[in-house]
Amino acid sequence: MTMVRIPPVLRPDAGGQRQVTVDATTVREALKKLVAEYPGLEGRVLIEGRLPEYMNVFVDGDDVRLHAGLETPVTQDSALLILPAVAGG
């Protein structure tokens, strides 16, 4: 199962979980299953089936936007990291 790491800022909407595992073959499928399990993440992780501009997703350390985006393949050994961009001044 693919491990999805949840950053601290999203944990309240993910039942306080640091990581969850999902059975998926693509990033899109993994995120849809994550949102199905934790509906509070909807609109933060996926908006109308797309990644928000401020949301970065990495599979095994590689930015999915440099690969196939949400169609980037994942395996049962993959680690998926969701990382919201941080801004401030």
PDB file of N, CA and C in Angstrom:
ATOM      1  N   MET A   1       0.841  -1.180   0.000  1.00  0.00           N
ATOM      2  CA  MET A   1       0.000   0.000   0.000  1.00  0.00           C
ATOM      3  C   MET A   1       0.890   1.248   0.000  1.00  0.00           C
ATOM      4  N   THR A   2       0.450   2.253  -0.701  1.00  0.00           N
ATOM      5  CA  THR A   2       1.179   3.509  -0.794  1.00  0.00           C
ATOM      6  C   THR A   2       1.024   4.280   0.514  1.00  0.00           C
ATOM      7  N   MET A   3       2.142   4.760   1.047  1.00  0.00           N
ATOM      8  CA  MET A   3       2.105   5.551   2.267  1.00  0.00           C
ATOM      9  C   MET A   3       1.956   7.026   1.884  1.00  0.00           C
ATOM     10  N   VAL A   4       0.993   7.697   2.486  1.00  0.00           N
ATOM     11  CA  VAL A   4       0.775   9.127   2.272  1.00  0.00           C
ATOM     12  C   VAL A   4       1.137   9.838   3.565  1.00  0.00           C
ATOM     13  N   ARG A   5       2.122  10.721   3.492  1.00  0.00           N
ATOM     14  CA  ARG A   5       2.544  11.485   4.670  1.00  0.00           C
ATOM     15  C   ARG A   5       1.753  12.789   4.723  1.00  0.00           C
ATOM     16  N   ILE A   6       1.203  13.062   5.894  1.00  0.00           N
ATOM     17  CA  ILE A   6       0.348  14.229   6.103  1.00  0.00           C
ATOM     18  C   ILE A   6       1.133  15.276   6.889  1.00  0.00           C
ATOM     19  N   PRO A   7       1.292  16.490   6.341  1.00  0.00           N
ATOM     20  CA  PRO A   7       2.025  17.531   7.075  1.00  0.00           C
ATOM     21  C   PRO A   7       1.207  18.043   8.260  1.00  0.00           C
ATOM     22  N   PRO A   8       1.884  18.615   9.255  1.00  0.00           N
ATOM     23  CA  PRO A   8       1.184  19.087  10.461  1.00  0.00           C
ATOM     24  C   PRO A   8      -0.006  20.003  10.180  1.00  0.00           C
ATOM     25  N   VAL A   9       0.094  20.884   9.211  1.00  0.00           N
ATOM     26  CA  VAL A   9      -0.985  21.837   8.934  1.00  0.00           C
ATOM     27  C   VAL A   9      -2.260  21.143   8.450  1.00  0.00           C
ATOM     28  N   LEU A  10      -2.147  19.953   7.869  1.00  0.00           N
ATOM     29  CA  LEU A  10      -3.327  19.230   7.377  1.00  0.00           C
ATOM     30  C   LEU A  10      -3.815  18.149   8.333  1.00  0.00           C
ATOM     31  N   ARG A  11      -3.052  17.864   9.355  1.00  0.00           N
ATOM     32  CA  ARG A  11      -3.414  16.761  10.259  1.00  0.00           C
ATOM     33  C   ARG A  11      -4.755  16.934  10.960  1.00  0.00           C
ATOM     34  N   PRO A  12      -5.151  18.142  11.368  1.00  0.00           N
ATOM     35  CA  PRO A  12      -6.475  18.258  12.004  1.00  0.00           C
ATOM     36  C   PRO A  12      -7.608  17.772  11.090  1.00  0.00           C
ATOM     37  N   ASP A  13      -7.446  17.962   9.780  1.00  0.00           N
ATOM     38  CA  ASP A  13      -8.472  17.517   8.832  1.00  0.00           C
ATOM     39  C   ASP A  13      -8.309  16.049   8.457  1.00  0.00           C
ATOM     40  N   ALA A  14      -7.232  15.425   8.949  1.00  0.00           N
ATOM     41  CA  ALA A  14      -6.972  14.007   8.670  1.00  0.00           C
ATOM     42  C   ALA A  14      -7.011  13.196   9.957  1.00  0.00           C
ATOM     43  N   GLY A  15      -7.839  13.628  10.873  1.00  0.00           N
ATOM     44  CA  GLY A  15      -7.999  12.889  12.122  1.00  0.00           C
ATOM     45  C   GLY A  15      -6.735  12.816  12.953  1.00  0.00           C
ATOM     46  N   GLY A  16      -5.826  13.793  12.761  1.00  0.00           N
ATOM     47  CA  GLY A  16      -4.586  13.823  13.526  1.00  0.00           C
ATOM     48  C   GLY A  16      -3.520  12.861  13.016  1.00  0.00           C
ATOM     49  N   GLN A  17      -3.786  12.209  11.900  1.00  0.00           N
ATOM     50  CA  GLN A  17      -2.848  11.213  11.376  1.00  0.00           C
ATOM     51  C   GLN A  17      -1.594  11.854  10.779  1.00  0.00           C
ATOM     52  N   ARG A  18      -0.447  11.253  11.070  1.00  0.00           N
ATOM     53  CA  ARG A  18       0.826  11.656  10.440  1.00  0.00           C
ATOM     54  C   ARG A  18       0.976  11.035   9.073  1.00  0.00           C
ATOM     55  N   GLN A  19       0.481   9.818   8.952  1.00  0.00           N
ATOM     56  CA  GLN A  19       0.535   9.117   7.675  1.00  0.00           C
ATOM     57  C   GLN A  19      -0.589   8.102   7.612  1.00  0.00           C
ATOM     58  N   VAL A  20      -1.009   7.826   6.394  1.00  0.00           N
ATOM     59  CA  VAL A  20      -2.028   6.811   6.148  1.00  0.00           C
ATOM     60  C   VAL A  20      -1.564   5.991   4.948  1.00  0.00           C
ATOM     61  N   THR A  21      -2.104   4.819   4.806  1.00  0.00           N
ATOM     62  CA  THR A  21      -1.793   4.014   3.633  1.00  0.00           C
ATOM     63  C   THR A  21      -3.056   3.846   2.809  1.00  0.00           C
ATOM     64  N   VAL A  22      -2.857   3.859   1.494  1.00  0.00           N
ATOM     65  CA  VAL A  22      -3.968   3.678   0.562  1.00  0.00           C
ATOM     66  C   VAL A  22      -3.528   2.705  -0.518  1.00  0.00           C
ATOM     67  N   ASP A  23      -4.482   2.021  -1.080  1.00  0.00           N
ATOM     68  CA  ASP A  23      -4.221   1.116  -2.187  1.00  0.00           C
ATOM     69  C   ASP A  23      -4.493   1.894  -3.465  1.00  0.00           C
ATOM     70  N   ALA A  24      -3.438   2.253  -4.207  1.00  0.00           N
ATOM     71  CA  ALA A  24      -3.588   3.098  -5.384  1.00  0.00           C
ATOM     72  C   ALA A  24      -2.504   2.787  -6.411  1.00  0.00           C
ATOM     73  N   THR A  25      -2.771   3.183  -7.660  1.00  0.00           N
ATOM     74  CA  THR A  25      -1.775   3.013  -8.722  1.00  0.00           C
ATOM     75  C   THR A  25      -1.296   4.345  -9.285  1.00  0.00           C
ATOM     76  N   THR A  26      -2.017   5.442  -8.971  1.00  0.00           N
ATOM     77  CA  THR A  26      -1.595   6.781  -9.398  1.00  0.00           C
ATOM     78  C   THR A  26      -1.747   7.751  -8.233  1.00  0.00           C
ATOM     79  N   VAL A  27      -1.123   8.902  -8.375  1.00  0.00           N
ATOM     80  CA  VAL A  27      -1.254   9.949  -7.358  1.00  0.00           C
ATOM     81  C   VAL A  27      -2.718  10.368  -7.239  1.00  0.00           C
ATOM     82  N   ARG A  28      -3.397  10.520  -8.366  1.00  0.00           N
ATOM     83  CA  ARG A  28      -4.811  10.921  -8.342  1.00  0.00           C
ATOM     84  C   ARG A  28      -5.639   9.934  -7.511  1.00  0.00           C
ATOM     85  N   GLU A  29      -5.454   8.659  -7.777  1.00  0.00           N
ATOM     86  CA  GLU A  29      -6.205   7.639  -7.052  1.00  0.00           C
ATOM     87  C   GLU A  29      -5.882   7.665  -5.563  1.00  0.00           C
ATOM     88  N   ALA A  30      -4.618   7.864  -5.228  1.00  0.00           N
ATOM     89  CA  ALA A  30      -4.213   7.929  -3.821  1.00  0.00           C
ATOM     90  C   ALA A  30      -4.867   9.113  -3.121  1.00  0.00           C
ATOM     91  N   LEU A  31      -4.861  10.270  -3.776  1.00  0.00           N
ATOM     92  CA  LEU A  31      -5.450  11.460  -3.157  1.00  0.00           C
ATOM     93  C   LEU A  31      -6.970  11.343  -3.055  1.00  0.00           C
ATOM     94  N   LYS A  32      -7.610  10.747  -4.063  1.00  0.00           N
ATOM     95  CA  LYS A  32      -9.060  10.549  -3.991  1.00  0.00           C
ATOM     96  C   LYS A  32      -9.421   9.632  -2.821  1.00  0.00           C
ATOM     97  N   LYS A  33      -8.643   8.586  -2.624  1.00  0.00           N
ATOM     98  CA  LYS A  33      -8.912   7.677  -1.514  1.00  0.00           C
ATOM     99  C   LYS A  33      -8.645   8.357  -0.177  1.00  0.00           C
ATOM    100  N   LEU A  34      -7.629   9.201  -0.122  1.00  0.00           N
ATOM    101  CA  LEU A  34      -7.337   9.956   1.099  1.00  0.00           C
ATOM    102  C   LEU A  34      -8.504  10.880   1.436  1.00  0.00           C
ATOM    103  N   VAL A  35      -9.000  11.606   0.437  1.00  0.00           N
ATOM    104  CA  VAL A  35     -10.113  12.529   0.642  1.00  0.00           C
ATOM    105  C   VAL A  35     -11.391  11.765   0.995  1.00  0.00           C
ATOM    106  N   ALA A  36     -11.585  10.584   0.422  1.00  0.00           N
ATOM    107  CA  ALA A  36     -12.763   9.780   0.755  1.00  0.00           C
ATOM    108  C   ALA A  36     -12.721   9.349   2.219  1.00  0.00           C
ATOM    109  N   GLU A  37     -11.523   9.045   2.706  1.00  0.00           N
ATOM    110  CA  GLU A  37     -11.381   8.625   4.103  1.00  0.00           C
ATOM    111  C   GLU A  37     -11.445   9.808   5.059  1.00  0.00           C
ATOM    112  N   TYR A  38     -10.933  10.953   4.614  1.00  0.00           N
ATOM    113  CA  TYR A  38     -10.905  12.165   5.448  1.00  0.00           C
ATOM    114  C   TYR A  38     -11.511  13.325   4.652  1.00  0.00           C
ATOM    115  N   PRO A  39     -12.838  13.433   4.620  1.00  0.00           N
ATOM    116  CA  PRO A  39     -13.511  14.450   3.812  1.00  0.00           C
ATOM    117  C   PRO A  39     -13.094  15.879   4.131  1.00  0.00           C
ATOM    118  N   GLY A  40     -12.572  16.128   5.329  1.00  0.00           N
ATOM    119  CA  GLY A  40     -12.114  17.466   5.679  1.00  0.00           C
ATOM    120  C   GLY A  40     -10.962  17.941   4.808  1.00  0.00           C
ATOM    121  N   LEU A  41     -10.295  17.021   4.137  1.00  0.00           N
ATOM    122  CA  LEU A  41      -9.178  17.385   3.254  1.00  0.00           C
ATOM    123  C   LEU A  41      -9.647  17.820   1.872  1.00  0.00           C
ATOM    124  N   GLU A  42     -10.918  17.524   1.554  1.00  0.00           N
ATOM    125  CA  GLU A  42     -11.430  17.930   0.247  1.00  0.00           C
ATOM    126  C   GLU A  42     -11.391  19.450   0.154  1.00  0.00           C
ATOM    127  N   GLY A  43     -10.955  19.954  -0.950  1.00  0.00           N
ATOM    128  CA  GLY A  43     -10.812  21.392  -1.122  1.00  0.00           C
ATOM    129  C   GLY A  43      -9.461  21.906  -0.673  1.00  0.00           C
ATOM    130  N   ARG A  44      -8.742  21.088   0.057  1.00  0.00           N
ATOM    131  CA  ARG A  44      -7.388  21.473   0.476  1.00  0.00           C
ATOM    132  C   ARG A  44      -6.352  20.694  -0.314  1.00  0.00           C
ATOM    133  N   VAL A  45      -6.681  19.427  -0.605  1.00  0.00           N
ATOM    134  CA  VAL A  45      -5.746  18.549  -1.315  1.00  0.00           C
ATOM    135  C   VAL A  45      -6.125  18.441  -2.788  1.00  0.00           C
ATOM    136  N   LEU A  46      -7.403  18.347  -3.063  1.00  0.00           N
ATOM    137  CA  LEU A  46      -7.915  18.288  -4.436  1.00  0.00           C
ATOM    138  C   LEU A  46      -9.059  19.282  -4.563  1.00  0.00           C
ATOM    139  N   ILE A  47      -9.030  20.082  -5.607  1.00  0.00           N
ATOM    140  CA  ILE A  47     -10.121  21.004  -5.897  1.00  0.00           C
ATOM    141  C   ILE A  47     -10.627  20.666  -7.289  1.00  0.00           C
ATOM    142  N   GLU A  48     -11.857  20.188  -7.355  1.00  0.00           N
ATOM    143  CA  GLU A  48     -12.463  19.773  -8.620  1.00  0.00           C
ATOM    144  C   GLU A  48     -11.543  18.816  -9.386  1.00  0.00           C
ATOM    145  N   GLY A  49     -10.933  17.892  -8.648  1.00  0.00           N
ATOM    146  CA  GLY A  49     -10.088  16.881  -9.264  1.00  0.00           C
ATOM    147  C   GLY A  49      -8.697  17.332  -9.640  1.00  0.00           C
ATOM    148  N   ARG A  50      -8.315  18.537  -9.222  1.00  0.00           N
ATOM    149  CA  ARG A  50      -6.983  19.065  -9.547  1.00  0.00           C
ATOM    150  C   ARG A  50      -6.248  19.446  -8.268  1.00  0.00           C
ATOM    151  N   LEU A  51      -4.924  19.504  -8.385  1.00  0.00           N
ATOM    152  CA  LEU A  51      -4.119  19.993  -7.268  1.00  0.00           C
ATOM    153  C   LEU A  51      -4.253  21.502  -7.173  1.00  0.00           C
ATOM    154  N   PRO A  52      -4.443  22.037  -5.986  1.00  0.00           N
ATOM    155  CA  PRO A  52      -4.402  23.493  -5.847  1.00  0.00           C
ATOM    156  C   PRO A  52      -2.999  23.996  -6.201  1.00  0.00           C
ATOM    157  N   GLU A  53      -2.908  25.231  -6.668  1.00  0.00           N
ATOM    158  CA  GLU A  53      -1.615  25.804  -7.061  1.00  0.00           C
ATOM    159  C   GLU A  53      -0.595  25.761  -5.930  1.00  0.00           C
ATOM    160  N   TYR A  54      -1.042  25.937  -4.710  1.00  0.00           N
ATOM    161  CA  TYR A  54      -0.144  26.018  -3.566  1.00  0.00           C
ATOM    162  C   TYR A  54       0.210  24.653  -2.976  1.00  0.00           C
ATOM    163  N   MET A  55      -0.299  23.577  -3.573  1.00  0.00           N
ATOM    164  CA  MET A  55      -0.061  22.252  -3.024  1.00  0.00           C
ATOM    165  C   MET A  55       1.014  21.533  -3.840  1.00  0.00           C
ATOM    166  N   ASN A  56       2.047  21.088  -3.160  1.00  0.00           N
ATOM    167  CA  ASN A  56       3.105  20.318  -3.794  1.00  0.00           C
ATOM    168  C   ASN A  56       2.962  18.865  -3.370  1.00  0.00           C
ATOM    169  N   VAL A  57       3.154  17.965  -4.322  1.00  0.00           N
ATOM    170  CA  VAL A  57       3.067  16.544  -4.036  1.00  0.00           C
ATOM    171  C   VAL A  57       4.313  15.874  -4.586  1.00  0.00           C
ATOM    172  N   PHE A  58       4.920  15.051  -3.757  1.00  0.00           N
ATOM    173  CA  PHE A  58       6.143  14.352  -4.128  1.00  0.00           C
ATOM    174  C   PHE A  58       5.924  12.855  -3.986  1.00  0.00           C
ATOM    175  N   VAL A  59       6.441  12.102  -4.942  1.00  0.00           N
ATOM    176  CA  VAL A  59       6.432  10.645  -4.866  1.00  0.00           C
ATOM    177  C   VAL A  59       7.888  10.200  -4.796  1.00  0.00           C
ATOM    178  N   ASP A  60       8.233   9.575  -3.700  1.00  0.00           N
ATOM    179  CA  ASP A  60       9.607   9.120  -3.478  1.00  0.00           C
ATOM    180  C   ASP A  60      10.611  10.250  -3.716  1.00  0.00           C
ATOM    181  N   GLY A  61      10.243  11.452  -3.269  1.00  0.00           N
ATOM    182  CA  GLY A  61      11.130  12.607  -3.348  1.00  0.00           C
ATOM    183  C   GLY A  61      11.064  13.397  -4.639  1.00  0.00           C
ATOM    184  N   ASP A  62      10.293  12.938  -5.633  1.00  0.00           N
ATOM    185  CA  ASP A  62      10.193  13.628  -6.921  1.00  0.00           C
ATOM    186  C   ASP A  62       8.877  14.390  -7.021  1.00  0.00           C
ATOM    187  N   ASP A  63       8.961  15.664  -7.428  1.00  0.00           N
ATOM    188  CA  ASP A  63       7.781  16.503  -7.614  1.00  0.00           C
ATOM    189  C   ASP A  63       6.944  15.940  -8.760  1.00  0.00           C
ATOM    190  N   VAL A  64       5.670  15.650  -8.505  1.00  0.00           N
ATOM    191  CA  VAL A  64       4.830  15.051  -9.540  1.00  0.00           C
ATOM    192  C   VAL A  64       4.608  15.994 -10.710  1.00  0.00           C
ATOM    193  N   ARG A  65       4.743  17.292 -10.499  1.00  0.00           N
ATOM    194  CA  ARG A  65       4.546  18.252 -11.594  1.00  0.00           C
ATOM    195  C   ARG A  65       5.656  18.140 -12.637  1.00  0.00           C
ATOM    196  N   LEU A  66       6.768  17.540 -12.271  1.00  0.00           N
ATOM    197  CA  LEU A  66       7.860  17.331 -13.219  1.00  0.00           C
ATOM    198  C   LEU A  66       7.735  15.991 -13.935  1.00  0.00           C
ATOM    199  N   HIS A  67       6.709  15.251 -13.607  1.00  0.00           N
ATOM    200  CA  HIS A  67       6.465  13.943 -14.208  1.00  0.00           C
ATOM    201  C   HIS A  67       5.088  13.959 -14.873  1.00  0.00           C
ATOM    202  N   ALA A  68       4.212  13.087 -14.495  1.00  0.00           N
ATOM    203  CA  ALA A  68       2.894  12.994 -15.130  1.00  0.00           C
ATOM    204  C   ALA A  68       1.797  13.635 -14.286  1.00  0.00           C
ATOM    205  N   GLY A  69       2.170  14.522 -13.352  1.00  0.00           N
ATOM    206  CA  GLY A  69       1.172  15.174 -12.518  1.00  0.00           C
ATOM    207  C   GLY A  69       0.389  14.165 -11.702  1.00  0.00           C
ATOM    208  N   LEU A  70      -0.913  14.319 -11.675  1.00  0.00           N
ATOM    209  CA  LEU A  70      -1.762  13.413 -10.901  1.00  0.00           C
ATOM    210  C   LEU A  70      -1.778  11.994 -11.463  1.00  0.00           C
ATOM    211  N   GLU A  71      -1.334  11.842 -12.683  1.00  0.00           N
ATOM    212  CA  GLU A  71      -1.280  10.503 -13.289  1.00  0.00           C
ATOM    213  C   GLU A  71       0.059   9.816 -13.030  1.00  0.00           C
ATOM    214  N   THR A  72       0.926  10.432 -12.239  1.00  0.00           N
ATOM    215  CA  THR A  72       2.199   9.814 -11.877  1.00  0.00           C
ATOM    216  C   THR A  72       1.922   8.494 -11.170  1.00  0.00           C
ATOM    217  N   PRO A  73       2.558   7.417 -11.619  1.00  0.00           N
ATOM    218  CA  PRO A  73       2.311   6.120 -10.990  1.00  0.00           C
ATOM    219  C   PRO A  73       2.875   6.032  -9.578  1.00  0.00           C
ATOM    220  N   VAL A  74       2.196   5.261  -8.757  1.00  0.00           N
ATOM    221  CA  VAL A  74       2.691   4.915  -7.429  1.00  0.00           C
ATOM    222  C   VAL A  74       2.626   3.398  -7.288  1.00  0.00           C
ATOM    223  N   THR A  75       3.454   2.873  -6.408  1.00  0.00           N
ATOM    224  CA  THR A  75       3.456   1.438  -6.146  1.00  0.00           C
ATOM    225  C   THR A  75       3.150   1.210  -4.682  1.00  0.00           C
ATOM    226  N   GLN A  76       3.070  -0.035  -4.311  1.00  0.00           N
ATOM    227  CA  GLN A  76       2.804  -0.343  -2.902  1.00  0.00           C
ATOM    228  C   GLN A  76       3.959   0.076  -2.008  1.00  0.00           C
ATOM    229  N   ASP A  77       5.129   0.319  -2.586  1.00  0.00           N
ATOM    230  CA  ASP A  77       6.291   0.751  -1.809  1.00  0.00           C
ATOM    231  C   ASP A  77       6.525   2.260  -1.876  1.00  0.00           C
ATOM    232  N   SER A  78       5.681   2.994  -2.587  1.00  0.00           N
ATOM    233  CA  SER A  78       5.868   4.430  -2.754  1.00  0.00           C
ATOM    234  C   SER A  78       5.532   5.197  -1.483  1.00  0.00           C
ATOM    235  N   ALA A  79       6.231   6.319  -1.331  1.00  0.00           N
ATOM    236  CA  ALA A  79       5.925   7.274  -0.266  1.00  0.00           C
ATOM    237  C   ALA A  79       5.480   8.568  -0.941  1.00  0.00           C
ATOM    238  N   LEU A  80       4.262   8.988  -0.647  1.00  0.00           N
ATOM    239  CA  LEU A  80       3.696  10.187  -1.224  1.00  0.00           C
ATOM    240  C   LEU A  80       3.667  11.262  -0.136  1.00  0.00           C
ATOM    241  N   LEU A  81       4.253  12.409  -0.411  1.00  0.00           N
ATOM    242  CA  LEU A  81       4.305  13.512   0.543  1.00  0.00           C
ATOM    243  C   LEU A  81       3.483  14.666   0.010  1.00  0.00           C
ATOM    244  N   ILE A  82       2.551  15.126   0.814  1.00  0.00           N
ATOM    245  CA  ILE A  82       1.739  16.305   0.489  1.00  0.00           C
ATOM    246  C   ILE A  82       2.380  17.466   1.243  1.00  0.00           C
ATOM    247  N   LEU A  83       2.710  18.534   0.506  1.00  0.00           N
ATOM    248  CA  LEU A  83       3.410  19.632   1.134  1.00  0.00           C
ATOM    249  C   LEU A  83       2.838  20.977   0.647  1.00  0.00           C
ATOM    250  N   PRO A  84       2.010  21.614   1.462  1.00  0.00           N
ATOM    251  CA  PRO A  84       1.501  22.935   1.080  1.00  0.00           C
ATOM    252  C   PRO A  84       2.630  23.941   1.057  1.00  0.00           C
ATOM    253  N   ALA A  85       2.582  24.847   0.074  1.00  0.00           N
ATOM    254  CA  ALA A  85       3.567  25.911   0.006  1.00  0.00           C
ATOM    255  C   ALA A  85       3.382  26.850   1.185  1.00  0.00           C
ATOM    256  N   VAL A  86       4.474  27.400   1.666  1.00  0.00           N
ATOM    257  CA  VAL A  86       4.439  28.326   2.791  1.00  0.00           C
ATOM    258  C   VAL A  86       4.852  29.699   2.290  1.00  0.00           C
ATOM    259  N   ALA A  87       4.058  30.693   2.609  1.00  0.00           N
ATOM    260  CA  ALA A  87       4.365  32.062   2.211  1.00  0.00           C
ATOM    261  C   ALA A  87       4.264  32.957   3.429  1.00  0.00           C
ATOM    262  N   GLY A  88       4.889  34.049   3.350  1.00  0.00           N
ATOM    263  CA  GLY A  88       4.812  34.988   4.467  1.00  0.00           C
ATOM    264  C   GLY A  88       5.832  36.096   4.302  1.00  0.00           C
ATOM    265  N   GLY A  89       5.835  36.956   5.224  1.00  0.00           N
ATOM    266  CA  GLY A  89       6.764  38.065   5.083  1.00  0.00           C
ATOM    267  C   GLY A  89       7.277  38.540   6.397  1.00  0.00           C
TER     268      GLY A  89
END
